[in-house]
């Protein structure tokens, strides 16, 4: 999953509707992504979710109250801007 990265009331929202939806949590929040994974994955099933490093703490905290555990975090070695979280459902 490559969900929108920018929190709803943070930053400047693009006037282009498609860009705004892709970048900002207007219709899909971090909690929505976590809820979808919990619903769609069977126990032991896993998913990969991409977030920029500046959102990694938010994501880790959001997982604390979920049925998902982080198995591994892959960091972008070139720019160190992004993290891919490999999560598994308990």
N, C-alpha and C. Protein backbone atom coordinates (compact mmCIF):
# COMPACT_ATOMS: atom_id res chain seq x y z
N UNK A 1 0.84 -1.18 0.00
CA UNK A 1 0.00 0.00 0.00
C UNK A 1 0.88 1.23 0.00
N UNK A 2 0.47 2.22 -0.71
CA UNK A 2 1.14 3.52 -0.75
C UNK A 2 0.06 4.56 -0.45
N UNK A 3 -0.34 4.65 0.83
CA UNK A 3 -1.44 5.54 1.20
C UNK A 3 -1.02 7.01 1.18
N UNK A 4 -2.02 7.92 1.26
CA UNK A 4 -1.69 9.34 1.37
C UNK A 4 -0.81 9.58 2.60
N UNK A 5 0.14 10.48 2.48
CA UNK A 5 1.13 10.67 3.53
C UNK A 5 0.89 11.86 4.44
N UNK A 6 0.22 12.86 3.94
CA UNK A 6 0.10 14.11 4.68
C UNK A 6 -1.19 14.10 5.50
N UNK A 7 -1.06 14.43 6.80
CA UNK A 7 -2.23 14.48 7.67
C UNK A 7 -3.23 15.49 7.15
N UNK A 8 -4.48 15.28 7.50
CA UNK A 8 -5.58 16.08 6.99
C UNK A 8 -5.34 17.59 7.11
N UNK A 9 -4.97 18.08 8.25
CA UNK A 9 -4.82 19.53 8.47
C UNK A 9 -3.37 19.98 8.53
N UNK A 10 -2.49 19.29 7.80
CA UNK A 10 -1.07 19.66 7.78
C UNK A 10 -0.67 19.97 6.34
N UNK A 11 0.09 21.01 6.17
CA UNK A 11 0.60 21.32 4.85
C UNK A 11 -0.44 21.99 3.95
N UNK A 12 -0.04 22.18 2.71
CA UNK A 12 -0.89 22.83 1.72
C UNK A 12 -1.54 21.75 0.86
N UNK A 13 -2.84 21.82 0.72
CA UNK A 13 -3.57 20.86 -0.10
C UNK A 13 -3.56 21.34 -1.55
N UNK A 14 -3.19 20.46 -2.44
CA UNK A 14 -3.14 20.78 -3.86
C UNK A 14 -4.52 21.18 -4.38
N UNK A 15 -4.59 22.19 -5.24
CA UNK A 15 -5.88 22.53 -5.85
C UNK A 15 -6.36 21.47 -6.84
N UNK A 16 -5.44 20.64 -7.31
CA UNK A 16 -5.80 19.54 -8.21
C UNK A 16 -6.38 18.41 -7.35
N UNK A 17 -7.64 18.09 -7.56
CA UNK A 17 -8.34 17.10 -6.72
C UNK A 17 -7.62 15.75 -6.69
N UNK A 18 -7.14 15.27 -7.84
CA UNK A 18 -6.46 13.97 -7.90
C UNK A 18 -5.18 13.99 -7.06
N UNK A 19 -4.41 15.04 -7.18
CA UNK A 19 -3.18 15.15 -6.37
C UNK A 19 -3.50 15.27 -4.89
N UNK A 20 -4.51 16.04 -4.57
CA UNK A 20 -4.89 16.21 -3.17
C UNK A 20 -5.29 14.87 -2.55
N UNK A 21 -6.08 14.08 -3.28
CA UNK A 21 -6.51 12.77 -2.77
C UNK A 21 -5.34 11.81 -2.63
N UNK A 22 -4.37 11.88 -3.55
CA UNK A 22 -3.23 10.97 -3.52
C UNK A 22 -2.26 11.31 -2.40
N UNK A 23 -2.16 12.57 -2.06
CA UNK A 23 -1.13 13.02 -1.11
C UNK A 23 -1.64 13.28 0.30
N UNK A 24 -2.88 13.68 0.43
CA UNK A 24 -3.41 14.13 1.72
C UNK A 24 -4.51 13.18 2.19
N UNK A 25 -4.60 12.97 3.48
CA UNK A 25 -5.57 12.05 4.06
C UNK A 25 -6.99 12.63 4.01
N UNK A 26 -7.45 12.97 2.81
CA UNK A 26 -8.79 13.51 2.64
C UNK A 26 -9.84 12.42 2.68
N UNK A 27 -9.56 11.29 2.07
CA UNK A 27 -10.55 10.20 2.03
C UNK A 27 -10.00 8.88 2.53
N UNK A 28 -8.72 8.85 2.90
CA UNK A 28 -8.10 7.62 3.40
C UNK A 28 -7.04 7.99 4.44
N UNK A 29 -7.34 7.73 5.69
CA UNK A 29 -6.40 8.06 6.77
C UNK A 29 -5.50 6.86 7.08
N UNK A 30 -4.51 7.11 7.90
CA UNK A 30 -3.62 6.04 8.35
C UNK A 30 -4.44 4.96 9.07
N UNK A 31 -5.39 5.39 9.89
CA UNK A 31 -6.23 4.43 10.62
C UNK A 31 -7.08 3.62 9.65
N UNK A 32 -7.52 4.22 8.55
CA UNK A 32 -8.29 3.48 7.54
C UNK A 32 -7.44 2.36 6.93
N UNK A 33 -6.17 2.63 6.66
CA UNK A 33 -5.27 1.62 6.09
C UNK A 33 -5.08 0.48 7.08
N UNK A 34 -4.88 0.82 8.35
CA UNK A 34 -4.70 -0.20 9.39
C UNK A 34 -5.97 -1.03 9.54
N UNK A 35 -7.12 -0.37 9.56
CA UNK A 35 -8.40 -1.09 9.68
C UNK A 35 -8.63 -2.03 8.50
N UNK A 36 -8.28 -1.57 7.29
CA UNK A 36 -8.45 -2.42 6.11
C UNK A 36 -7.55 -3.65 6.20
N UNK A 37 -6.32 -3.47 6.65
CA UNK A 37 -5.40 -4.62 6.81
C UNK A 37 -5.95 -5.60 7.84
N UNK A 38 -6.46 -5.08 8.95
CA UNK A 38 -7.02 -5.97 9.97
C UNK A 38 -8.21 -6.76 9.43
N UNK A 39 -9.02 -6.12 8.61
CA UNK A 39 -10.21 -6.77 8.05
C UNK A 39 -9.85 -7.77 6.96
N UNK A 40 -8.92 -7.41 6.07
CA UNK A 40 -8.63 -8.22 4.90
C UNK A 40 -7.63 -9.35 5.13
N UNK A 41 -6.73 -9.18 6.10
CA UNK A 41 -5.72 -10.21 6.32
C UNK A 41 -6.24 -11.30 7.25
N UNK A 42 -5.89 -12.52 6.95
CA UNK A 42 -6.19 -13.62 7.87
C UNK A 42 -5.07 -13.65 8.93
N UNK A 43 -5.27 -14.32 10.06
CA UNK A 43 -4.20 -14.43 11.04
C UNK A 43 -2.93 -15.01 10.39
N UNK A 44 -1.82 -14.36 10.61
CA UNK A 44 -0.56 -14.75 9.99
C UNK A 44 -0.32 -14.10 8.64
N UNK A 45 -1.35 -13.46 8.07
CA UNK A 45 -1.21 -12.76 6.80
C UNK A 45 -0.42 -11.47 6.98
N UNK A 46 0.24 -11.05 5.91
CA UNK A 46 1.06 -9.84 6.04
C UNK A 46 0.81 -8.86 4.91
N UNK A 47 1.25 -7.63 5.14
CA UNK A 47 1.12 -6.55 4.17
C UNK A 47 2.37 -5.69 4.24
N UNK A 48 2.62 -4.95 3.17
CA UNK A 48 3.71 -3.99 3.10
C UNK A 48 3.10 -2.61 2.91
N UNK A 49 3.50 -1.67 3.77
CA UNK A 49 2.92 -0.33 3.74
C UNK A 49 4.04 0.70 3.71
N UNK A 50 3.98 1.60 2.75
CA UNK A 50 5.00 2.62 2.54
C UNK A 50 4.57 3.94 3.17
N UNK A 51 5.45 4.49 3.98
CA UNK A 51 5.25 5.83 4.55
C UNK A 51 6.59 6.55 4.56
N UNK A 52 6.57 7.88 4.50
CA UNK A 52 7.82 8.62 4.65
C UNK A 52 8.30 8.48 6.10
N UNK A 53 9.58 8.63 6.30
CA UNK A 53 10.12 8.45 7.65
C UNK A 53 9.50 9.41 8.66
N UNK A 54 9.11 10.61 8.22
CA UNK A 54 8.52 11.55 9.17
C UNK A 54 7.17 11.08 9.71
N UNK A 55 6.55 10.08 9.10
CA UNK A 55 5.30 9.51 9.60
C UNK A 55 5.50 8.16 10.29
N UNK A 56 6.72 7.67 10.36
CA UNK A 56 6.96 6.33 10.91
C UNK A 56 6.57 6.23 12.38
N UNK A 57 6.80 7.25 13.16
CA UNK A 57 6.41 7.21 14.58
C UNK A 57 4.89 7.17 14.72
N UNK A 58 4.19 7.98 13.91
CA UNK A 58 2.72 7.96 13.92
C UNK A 58 2.20 6.57 13.58
N UNK A 59 2.81 5.96 12.57
CA UNK A 59 2.35 4.64 12.14
C UNK A 59 2.60 3.59 13.23
N UNK A 60 3.79 3.61 13.82
CA UNK A 60 4.11 2.66 14.88
C UNK A 60 3.16 2.82 16.06
N UNK A 61 2.83 4.04 16.42
CA UNK A 61 1.89 4.27 17.53
C UNK A 61 0.48 3.81 17.18
N UNK A 62 0.08 4.00 15.93
CA UNK A 62 -1.24 3.56 15.50
C UNK A 62 -1.37 2.04 15.53
N UNK A 63 -0.28 1.34 15.30
CA UNK A 63 -0.30 -0.12 15.32
C UNK A 63 -0.44 -0.68 16.73
N UNK A 64 -0.09 0.10 17.75
CA UNK A 64 -0.12 -0.38 19.13
C UNK A 64 -1.50 -0.88 19.55
N UNK A 65 -2.56 -0.28 19.05
CA UNK A 65 -3.92 -0.66 19.43
C UNK A 65 -4.61 -1.46 18.34
N UNK A 66 -3.82 -2.19 17.57
CA UNK A 66 -4.39 -2.96 16.46
C UNK A 66 -4.01 -4.43 16.60
N UNK A 67 -4.47 -5.22 15.66
CA UNK A 67 -4.13 -6.64 15.61
C UNK A 67 -2.90 -6.89 14.74
N UNK A 68 -2.18 -5.81 14.40
CA UNK A 68 -1.02 -5.91 13.51
C UNK A 68 0.27 -5.68 14.27
N UNK A 69 1.29 -6.46 13.91
CA UNK A 69 2.63 -6.28 14.47
C UNK A 69 3.59 -6.00 13.33
N UNK A 70 4.58 -5.16 13.59
CA UNK A 70 5.61 -4.91 12.60
C UNK A 70 6.63 -6.03 12.65
N UNK A 71 6.89 -6.66 11.51
CA UNK A 71 7.91 -7.69 11.42
C UNK A 71 9.26 -7.05 11.13
N UNK A 72 9.26 -6.14 10.17
CA UNK A 72 10.51 -5.51 9.75
C UNK A 72 10.20 -4.16 9.13
N UNK A 73 11.15 -3.25 9.24
CA UNK A 73 11.06 -1.95 8.59
C UNK A 73 12.21 -1.84 7.60
N UNK A 74 11.86 -1.65 6.35
CA UNK A 74 12.87 -1.46 5.31
C UNK A 74 13.01 0.04 5.06
N UNK A 75 14.22 0.57 5.17
CA UNK A 75 14.44 1.99 4.96
C UNK A 75 15.09 2.21 3.61
N UNK A 76 14.72 3.32 2.98
CA UNK A 76 15.29 3.72 1.71
C UNK A 76 16.76 4.07 1.93
N UNK A 77 17.65 3.30 1.36
CA UNK A 77 19.09 3.49 1.58
C UNK A 77 19.65 4.70 0.85
N UNK A 78 19.03 5.09 -0.26
CA UNK A 78 19.56 6.20 -1.05
C UNK A 78 19.25 7.55 -0.42
N UNK A 79 18.01 7.79 -0.11
CA UNK A 79 17.63 9.11 0.39
C UNK A 79 17.21 9.10 1.86
N UNK A 80 16.94 7.93 2.38
CA UNK A 80 16.44 7.77 3.75
C UNK A 80 15.16 8.55 3.98
N UNK A 81 14.37 8.74 2.93
CA UNK A 81 13.10 9.45 3.05
C UNK A 81 11.94 8.54 3.41
N UNK A 82 12.02 7.26 3.01
CA UNK A 82 10.87 6.38 3.10
C UNK A 82 11.15 5.13 3.92
N UNK A 83 10.07 4.57 4.48
CA UNK A 83 10.12 3.30 5.18
C UNK A 83 9.01 2.41 4.63
N UNK A 84 9.32 1.15 4.45
CA UNK A 84 8.30 0.17 4.10
C UNK A 84 8.14 -0.73 5.32
N UNK A 85 6.96 -0.73 5.86
CA UNK A 85 6.65 -1.53 7.05
C UNK A 85 6.07 -2.87 6.59
N UNK A 86 6.69 -3.94 7.03
CA UNK A 86 6.14 -5.29 6.79
C UNK A 86 5.39 -5.64 8.06
N UNK A 87 4.07 -5.72 7.95
CA UNK A 87 3.23 -5.99 9.11
C UNK A 87 2.54 -7.34 8.96
N UNK A 88 2.23 -7.95 10.09
CA UNK A 88 1.53 -9.25 10.09
C UNK A 88 0.36 -9.17 11.06
N UNK A 89 -0.71 -9.85 10.71
CA UNK A 89 -1.88 -9.88 11.59
C UNK A 89 -1.71 -11.02 12.60
N UNK A 90 -1.96 -10.69 13.87
CA UNK A 90 -1.90 -11.70 14.93
C UNK A 90 -2.99 -12.72 14.78
